[in-house]
């Protein structure tokens, strides 16, 4: 049996897009029902009224954040 990998995409100035078989659980162990949802968008800006899910508020509020990893600083040897 082949298991599909979970893919998380950081959207520029937007949410985390999560695709694949996942289980989303709150701090108390209560699981959200994601039946029929092959993908979800998780809030990254902290402004959504539907957290942990994205509701598009980031766009209305002009929230900005890079979507690419910050390059690591070179390590000085010696």
PDB file of N, CA and C in Angstrom:
ATOM      1  N   UNK A   1       0.840  -1.175   0.000  1.00  0.00           N
ATOM      2  CA  UNK A   1       0.000   0.000   0.000  1.00  0.00           C
ATOM      3  C   UNK A   1       0.888   1.241   0.000  1.00  0.00           C
ATOM      4  N   UNK A   2       0.638   2.149  -0.935  1.00  0.00           N
ATOM      5  CA  UNK A   2       1.420   3.376  -1.062  1.00  0.00           C
ATOM      6  C   UNK A   2       0.712   4.507  -0.334  1.00  0.00           C
ATOM      7  N   UNK A   3       1.439   5.155   0.586  1.00  0.00           N
ATOM      8  CA  UNK A   3       0.863   6.262   1.327  1.00  0.00           C
ATOM      9  C   UNK A   3       1.236   7.566   0.653  1.00  0.00           C
ATOM     10  N   UNK A   4       0.248   8.434   0.483  1.00  0.00           N
ATOM     11  CA  UNK A   4       0.487   9.737  -0.124  1.00  0.00           C
ATOM     12  C   UNK A   4       1.210  10.641   0.880  1.00  0.00           C
ATOM     13  N   UNK A   5       2.190  11.357   0.419  1.00  0.00           N
ATOM     14  CA  UNK A   5       2.922  12.275   1.291  1.00  0.00           C
ATOM     15  C   UNK A   5       2.117  13.552   1.505  1.00  0.00           C
ATOM     16  N   UNK A   6       2.251  14.129   2.673  1.00  0.00           N
ATOM     17  CA  UNK A   6       1.627  15.414   2.962  1.00  0.00           C
ATOM     18  C   UNK A   6       2.521  16.498   2.376  1.00  0.00           C
ATOM     19  N   UNK A   7       1.906  17.459   1.705  1.00  0.00           N
ATOM     20  CA  UNK A   7       2.638  18.574   1.115  1.00  0.00           C
ATOM     21  C   UNK A   7       2.149  19.857   1.763  1.00  0.00           C
ATOM     22  N   UNK A   8       3.083  20.670   2.285  1.00  0.00           N
ATOM     23  CA  UNK A   8       2.743  21.962   2.875  1.00  0.00           C
ATOM     24  C   UNK A   8       3.421  23.038   2.038  1.00  0.00           C
ATOM     25  N   UNK A   9       2.612  23.922   1.486  1.00  0.00           N
ATOM     26  CA  UNK A   9       3.111  25.009   0.664  1.00  0.00           C
ATOM     27  C   UNK A   9       2.905  26.323   1.408  1.00  0.00           C
ATOM     28  N   UNK A  10       3.973  27.102   1.536  1.00  0.00           N
ATOM     29  CA  UNK A  10       3.876  28.418   2.158  1.00  0.00           C
ATOM     30  C   UNK A  10       3.515  29.393   1.050  1.00  0.00           C
ATOM     31  N   UNK A  11       2.311  29.939   1.108  1.00  0.00           N
ATOM     32  CA  UNK A  11       1.863  30.864   0.083  1.00  0.00           C
ATOM     33  C   UNK A  11       2.417  32.261   0.356  1.00  0.00           C
ATOM     34  N   UNK A  12       2.912  32.948  -0.681  1.00  0.00           N
ATOM     35  CA  UNK A  12       3.434  34.294  -0.470  1.00  0.00           C
ATOM     36  C   UNK A  12       2.356  35.208   0.127  1.00  0.00           C
ATOM     37  N   UNK A  13       2.671  35.839   1.240  1.00  0.00           N
ATOM     38  CA  UNK A  13       1.739  36.741   1.920  1.00  0.00           C
ATOM     39  C   UNK A  13       0.401  36.073   2.213  1.00  0.00           C
ATOM     40  N   UNK A  14       0.433  34.772   2.456  1.00  0.00           N
ATOM     41  CA  UNK A  14      -0.807  34.038   2.683  1.00  0.00           C
ATOM     42  C   UNK A  14      -0.617  32.850   3.602  1.00  0.00           C
ATOM     43  N   UNK A  15      -1.546  31.900   3.534  1.00  0.00           N
ATOM     44  CA  UNK A  15      -1.575  30.782   4.473  1.00  0.00           C
ATOM     45  C   UNK A  15      -0.605  29.658   4.144  1.00  0.00           C
ATOM     46  N   UNK A  16      -0.588  28.678   5.051  1.00  0.00           N
ATOM     47  CA  UNK A  16       0.039  27.391   4.766  1.00  0.00           C
ATOM     48  C   UNK A  16      -1.022  26.557   4.067  1.00  0.00           C
ATOM     49  N   UNK A  17      -0.741  26.049   2.880  1.00  0.00           N
ATOM     50  CA  UNK A  17      -1.666  25.174   2.163  1.00  0.00           C
ATOM     51  C   UNK A  17      -1.209  23.754   2.433  1.00  0.00           C
ATOM     52  N   UNK A  18      -2.067  22.952   3.054  1.00  0.00           N
ATOM     53  CA  UNK A  18      -1.725  21.585   3.443  1.00  0.00           C
ATOM     54  C   UNK A  18      -2.540  20.626   2.587  1.00  0.00           C
ATOM     55  N   UNK A  19      -1.832  19.759   1.860  1.00  0.00           N
ATOM     56  CA  UNK A  19      -2.483  18.789   0.972  1.00  0.00           C
ATOM     57  C   UNK A  19      -2.059  17.385   1.355  1.00  0.00           C
ATOM     58  N   UNK A  20      -3.013  16.482   1.357  1.00  0.00           N
ATOM     59  CA  UNK A  20      -2.710  15.095   1.669  1.00  0.00           C
ATOM     60  C   UNK A  20      -3.429  14.651   2.924  1.00  0.00           C
ATOM     61  N   UNK A  21      -3.222  13.398   3.305  1.00  0.00           N
ATOM     62  CA  UNK A  21      -3.918  12.831   4.461  1.00  0.00           C
ATOM     63  C   UNK A  21      -3.333  13.359   5.772  1.00  0.00           C
ATOM     64  N   UNK A  22      -4.098  14.189   6.472  1.00  0.00           N
ATOM     65  CA  UNK A  22      -3.627  14.735   7.741  1.00  0.00           C
ATOM     66  C   UNK A  22      -4.679  14.572   8.824  1.00  0.00           C
ATOM     67  N   UNK A  23      -4.224  14.689  10.044  1.00  0.00           N
ATOM     68  CA  UNK A  23      -5.096  14.740  11.208  1.00  0.00           C
ATOM     69  C   UNK A  23      -4.763  16.058  11.901  1.00  0.00           C
ATOM     70  N   UNK A  24      -5.763  16.914  12.108  1.00  0.00           N
ATOM     71  CA  UNK A  24      -5.565  18.204  12.764  1.00  0.00           C
ATOM     72  C   UNK A  24      -6.232  18.132  14.129  1.00  0.00           C
ATOM     73  N   UNK A  25      -5.427  18.283  15.183  1.00  0.00           N
ATOM     74  CA  UNK A  25      -5.891  18.079  16.554  1.00  0.00           C
ATOM     75  C   UNK A  25      -5.578  19.314  17.388  1.00  0.00           C
ATOM     76  N   UNK A  26      -6.520  19.733  18.251  1.00  0.00           N
ATOM     77  CA  UNK A  26      -6.258  20.883  19.114  1.00  0.00           C
ATOM     78  C   UNK A  26      -5.483  20.462  20.355  1.00  0.00           C
ATOM     79  N   UNK A  27      -5.184  21.415  21.214  1.00  0.00           N
ATOM     80  CA  UNK A  27      -4.354  21.173  22.401  1.00  0.00           C
ATOM     81  C   UNK A  27      -4.985  20.150  23.355  1.00  0.00           C
ATOM     82  N   UNK A  28      -6.301  19.988  23.288  1.00  0.00           N
ATOM     83  CA  UNK A  28      -7.006  19.032  24.149  1.00  0.00           C
ATOM     84  C   UNK A  28      -7.190  17.668  23.503  1.00  0.00           C
ATOM     85  N   UNK A  29      -6.644  17.496  22.309  1.00  0.00           N
ATOM     86  CA  UNK A  29      -6.757  16.214  21.627  1.00  0.00           C
ATOM     87  C   UNK A  29      -8.012  16.052  20.798  1.00  0.00           C
ATOM     88  N   UNK A  30      -8.799  17.134  20.654  1.00  0.00           N
ATOM     89  CA  UNK A  30     -10.020  17.076  19.850  1.00  0.00           C
ATOM     90  C   UNK A  30      -9.648  17.263  18.383  1.00  0.00           C
ATOM     91  N   UNK A  31     -10.099  16.333  17.561  1.00  0.00           N
ATOM     92  CA  UNK A  31      -9.752  16.350  16.149  1.00  0.00           C
ATOM     93  C   UNK A  31     -10.819  17.057  15.319  1.00  0.00           C
ATOM     94  N   UNK A  32     -10.368  17.919  14.386  1.00  0.00           N
ATOM     95  CA  UNK A  32     -11.293  18.560  13.462  1.00  0.00           C
ATOM     96  C   UNK A  32     -11.738  17.522  12.442  1.00  0.00           C
ATOM     97  N   UNK A  33     -12.998  17.598  12.012  1.00  0.00           N
ATOM     98  CA  UNK A  33     -13.503  16.704  10.976  1.00  0.00           C
ATOM     99  C   UNK A  33     -13.125  17.285   9.618  1.00  0.00           C
ATOM    100  N   UNK A  34     -12.177  16.658   8.960  1.00  0.00           N
ATOM    101  CA  UNK A  34     -11.712  17.108   7.650  1.00  0.00           C
ATOM    102  C   UNK A  34     -12.207  16.185   6.536  1.00  0.00           C
ATOM    103  N   UNK A  35     -13.259  15.444   6.820  1.00  0.00           N
ATOM    104  CA  UNK A  35     -13.822  14.518   5.842  1.00  0.00           C
ATOM    105  C   UNK A  35     -14.148  15.249   4.540  1.00  0.00           C
ATOM    106  N   UNK A  36     -13.682  14.698   3.436  1.00  0.00           N
ATOM    107  CA  UNK A  36     -13.974  15.272   2.124  1.00  0.00           C
ATOM    108  C   UNK A  36     -13.113  16.472   1.769  1.00  0.00           C
ATOM    109  N   UNK A  37     -12.131  16.790   2.594  1.00  0.00           N
ATOM    110  CA  UNK A  37     -11.251  17.930   2.318  1.00  0.00           C
ATOM    111  C   UNK A  37      -9.863  17.404   1.942  1.00  0.00           C
ATOM    112  N   UNK A  38      -9.549  17.388   0.663  1.00  0.00           N
ATOM    113  CA  UNK A  38      -8.233  16.909   0.247  1.00  0.00           C
ATOM    114  C   UNK A  38      -7.117  17.905   0.576  1.00  0.00           C
ATOM    115  N   UNK A  39      -7.504  19.159   0.864  1.00  0.00           N
ATOM    116  CA  UNK A  39      -6.523  20.193   1.207  1.00  0.00           C
ATOM    117  C   UNK A  39      -7.191  21.228   2.107  1.00  0.00           C
ATOM    118  N   UNK A  40      -6.372  21.849   2.975  1.00  0.00           N
ATOM    119  CA  UNK A  40      -6.853  22.937   3.837  1.00  0.00           C
ATOM    120  C   UNK A  40      -5.817  24.050   3.831  1.00  0.00           C
ATOM    121  N   UNK A  41      -6.262  25.257   4.186  1.00  0.00           N
ATOM    122  CA  UNK A  41      -5.350  26.388   4.324  1.00  0.00           C
ATOM    123  C   UNK A  41      -5.348  26.810   5.779  1.00  0.00           C
ATOM    124  N   UNK A  42      -4.158  26.831   6.378  1.00  0.00           N
ATOM    125  CA  UNK A  42      -4.008  27.206   7.783  1.00  0.00           C
ATOM    126  C   UNK A  42      -3.498  28.638   7.894  1.00  0.00           C
ATOM    127  N   UNK A  43      -4.093  29.386   8.808  1.00  0.00           N
ATOM    128  CA  UNK A  43      -3.742  30.791   9.016  1.00  0.00           C
ATOM    129  C   UNK A  43      -2.284  30.916   9.433  1.00  0.00           C
ATOM    130  N   UNK A  44      -1.613  31.879   8.817  1.00  0.00           N
ATOM    131  CA  UNK A  44      -0.224  32.151   9.144  1.00  0.00           C
ATOM    132  C   UNK A  44      -0.070  33.558   9.716  1.00  0.00           C
ATOM    133  N   UNK A  45      -1.077  34.417   9.506  1.00  0.00           N
ATOM    134  CA  UNK A  45      -0.973  35.811   9.932  1.00  0.00           C
ATOM    135  C   UNK A  45      -1.503  36.049  11.345  1.00  0.00           C
ATOM    136  N   UNK A  46      -2.351  35.139  11.834  1.00  0.00           N
ATOM    137  CA  UNK A  46      -2.933  35.304  13.162  1.00  0.00           C
ATOM    138  C   UNK A  46      -4.167  36.192  13.182  1.00  0.00           C
ATOM    139  N   UNK A  47      -4.645  36.630  12.029  1.00  0.00           N
ATOM    140  CA  UNK A  47      -5.777  37.558  11.966  1.00  0.00           C
ATOM    141  C   UNK A  47      -7.109  36.891  11.633  1.00  0.00           C
ATOM    142  N   UNK A  48      -7.087  35.635  11.235  1.00  0.00           N
ATOM    143  CA  UNK A  48      -8.306  34.936  10.824  1.00  0.00           C
ATOM    144  C   UNK A  48      -9.287  34.779  11.974  1.00  0.00           C
ATOM    145  N   UNK A  49     -10.563  34.963  11.677  1.00  0.00           N
ATOM    146  CA  UNK A  49     -11.605  34.719  12.684  1.00  0.00           C
ATOM    147  C   UNK A  49     -12.002  33.246  12.709  1.00  0.00           C
ATOM    148  N   UNK A  50     -11.412  32.439  11.819  1.00  0.00           N
ATOM    149  CA  UNK A  50     -11.713  30.996  11.751  1.00  0.00           C
ATOM    150  C   UNK A  50     -10.477  30.164  12.054  1.00  0.00           C
ATOM    151  N   UNK A  51      -9.533  30.733  12.833  1.00  0.00           N
ATOM    152  CA  UNK A  51      -8.307  29.998  13.152  1.00  0.00           C
ATOM    153  C   UNK A  51      -8.636  28.631  13.720  1.00  0.00           C
ATOM    154  N   UNK A  52      -7.895  27.636  13.341  1.00  0.00           N
ATOM    155  CA  UNK A  52      -6.594  27.683  12.687  1.00  0.00           C
ATOM    156  C   UNK A  52      -6.684  27.818  11.167  1.00  0.00           C
ATOM    157  N   UNK A  53      -7.888  27.897  10.628  1.00  0.00           N
ATOM    158  CA  UNK A  53      -8.063  27.970   9.183  1.00  0.00           C
ATOM    159  C   UNK A  53      -7.966  29.411   8.689  1.00  0.00           C
ATOM    160  N   UNK A  54      -7.534  29.567   7.459  1.00  0.00           N
ATOM    161  CA  UNK A  54      -7.426  30.877   6.830  1.00  0.00           C
ATOM    162  C   UNK A  54      -8.809  31.319   6.347  1.00  0.00           C
ATOM    163  N   UNK A  55      -9.123  32.603   6.569  1.00  0.00           N
ATOM    164  CA  UNK A  55     -10.381  33.147   6.039  1.00  0.00           C
ATOM    165  C   UNK A  55     -10.141  34.317   5.079  1.00  0.00           C
ATOM    166  N   UNK A  56      -8.887  34.537   4.687  1.00  0.00           N
ATOM    167  CA  UNK A  56      -8.564  35.587   3.722  1.00  0.00           C
ATOM    168  C   UNK A  56      -8.300  36.954   4.335  1.00  0.00           C
ATOM    169  N   UNK A  57      -8.374  37.075   5.653  1.00  0.00           N
ATOM    170  CA  UNK A  57      -8.162  38.365   6.304  1.00  0.00           C
ATOM    171  C   UNK A  57      -6.784  38.937   5.995  1.00  0.00           C
ATOM    172  N   UNK A  58      -5.787  38.085   5.825  1.00  0.00           N
ATOM    173  CA  UNK A  58      -4.431  38.562   5.532  1.00  0.00           C
ATOM    174  C   UNK A  58      -4.414  39.499   4.326  1.00  0.00           C
ATOM    175  N   UNK A  59      -5.199  39.182   3.320  1.00  0.00           N
ATOM    176  CA  UNK A  59      -5.263  40.007   2.108  1.00  0.00           C
ATOM    177  C   UNK A  59      -5.953  41.337   2.349  1.00  0.00           C
ATOM    178  N   UNK A  60      -7.040  41.304   3.093  1.00  0.00           N
ATOM    179  CA  UNK A  60      -7.789  42.539   3.384  1.00  0.00           C
ATOM    180  C   UNK A  60      -6.998  43.477   4.284  1.00  0.00           C
ATOM    181  N   UNK A  61      -6.148  42.903   5.131  1.00  0.00           N
ATOM    182  CA  UNK A  61      -5.371  43.707   6.078  1.00  0.00           C
ATOM    183  C   UNK A  61      -3.973  44.068   5.554  1.00  0.00           C
ATOM    184  N   UNK A  62      -3.621  43.541   4.383  1.00  0.00           N
ATOM    185  CA  UNK A  62      -2.323  43.863   3.796  1.00  0.00           C
ATOM    186  C   UNK A  62      -1.141  43.195   4.491  1.00  0.00           C
ATOM    187  N   UNK A  63      -1.401  42.054   5.114  1.00  0.00           N
ATOM    188  CA  UNK A  63      -0.334  41.328   5.811  1.00  0.00           C
ATOM    189  C   UNK A  63       0.700  40.843   4.808  1.00  0.00           C
ATOM    190  N   UNK A  64       1.975  41.004   5.130  1.00  0.00           N
ATOM    191  CA  UNK A  64       3.067  40.606   4.238  1.00  0.00           C
ATOM    192  C   UNK A  64       4.071  39.738   4.983  1.00  0.00           C
ATOM    193  N   UNK A  65       4.544  38.708   4.314  1.00  0.00           N
ATOM    194  CA  UNK A  65       5.577  37.853   4.880  1.00  0.00           C
ATOM    195  C   UNK A  65       6.196  37.040   3.754  1.00  0.00           C
ATOM    196  N   UNK A  66       7.517  36.948   3.761  1.00  0.00           N
ATOM    197  CA  UNK A  66       8.197  36.150   2.741  1.00  0.00           C
ATOM    198  C   UNK A  66       7.759  34.696   2.821  1.00  0.00           C
ATOM    199  N   UNK A  67       7.780  34.045   1.676  1.00  0.00           N
ATOM    200  CA  UNK A  67       7.384  32.640   1.622  1.00  0.00           C
ATOM    201  C   UNK A  67       8.568  31.713   1.419  1.00  0.00           C
ATOM    202  N   UNK A  68       9.758  32.273   1.345  1.00  0.00           N
ATOM    203  CA  UNK A  68      10.939  31.456   1.116  1.00  0.00           C
ATOM    204  C   UNK A  68      11.788  31.382   2.376  1.00  0.00           C
ATOM    205  N   UNK A  69      12.503  30.282   2.543  1.00  0.00           N
ATOM    206  CA  UNK A  69      13.362  30.165   3.725  1.00  0.00           C
ATOM    207  C   UNK A  69      14.468  31.217   3.704  1.00  0.00           C
ATOM    208  N   UNK A  70      14.827  31.670   4.867  1.00  0.00           N
ATOM    209  CA  UNK A  70      15.937  32.604   5.001  1.00  0.00           C
ATOM    210  C   UNK A  70      17.223  31.798   4.871  1.00  0.00           C
ATOM    211  N   UNK A  71      18.121  32.253   3.989  1.00  0.00           N
ATOM    212  CA  UNK A  71      19.380  31.488   3.856  1.00  0.00           C
ATOM    213  C   UNK A  71      20.144  31.459   5.184  1.00  0.00           C
ATOM    214  N   UNK A  72      20.766  30.339   5.430  1.00  0.00           N
ATOM    215  CA  UNK A  72      21.560  30.194   6.652  1.00  0.00           C
ATOM    216  C   UNK A  72      22.824  31.039   6.543  1.00  0.00           C
ATOM    217  N   UNK A  73      23.206  31.615   7.660  1.00  0.00           N
ATOM    218  CA  UNK A  73      24.447  32.389   7.714  1.00  0.00           C
ATOM    219  C   UNK A  73      25.628  31.429   7.550  1.00  0.00           C
ATOM    220  N   UNK A  74      26.642  31.856   6.800  1.00  0.00           N
ATOM    221  CA  UNK A  74      27.831  30.988   6.714  1.00  0.00           C
ATOM    222  C   UNK A  74      28.497  30.872   8.089  1.00  0.00           C
ATOM    223  N   UNK A  75      28.988  29.707   8.383  1.00  0.00           N
ATOM    224  CA  UNK A  75      29.631  29.462   9.666  1.00  0.00           C
ATOM    225  C   UNK A  75      31.137  29.683   9.518  1.00  0.00           C
ATOM    226  N   UNK A  76      31.661  30.588  10.342  1.00  0.00           N
ATOM    227  CA  UNK A  76      33.103  30.844  10.312  1.00  0.00           C
ATOM    228  C   UNK A  76      33.840  29.697  10.982  1.00  0.00           C
ATOM    229  N   UNK A  77      34.802  29.167  10.297  1.00  0.00           N
ATOM    230  CA  UNK A  77      35.611  28.084  10.860  1.00  0.00           C
ATOM    231  C   UNK A  77      36.949  28.649  11.300  1.00  0.00           C
ATOM    232  N   UNK A  78      37.394  28.246  12.472  1.00  0.00           N
ATOM    233  CA  UNK A  78      38.722  28.660  12.884  1.00  0.00           C
ATOM    234  C   UNK A  78      38.754  29.258  14.172  1.00  0.00           C
TER     235      UNK A  78
END
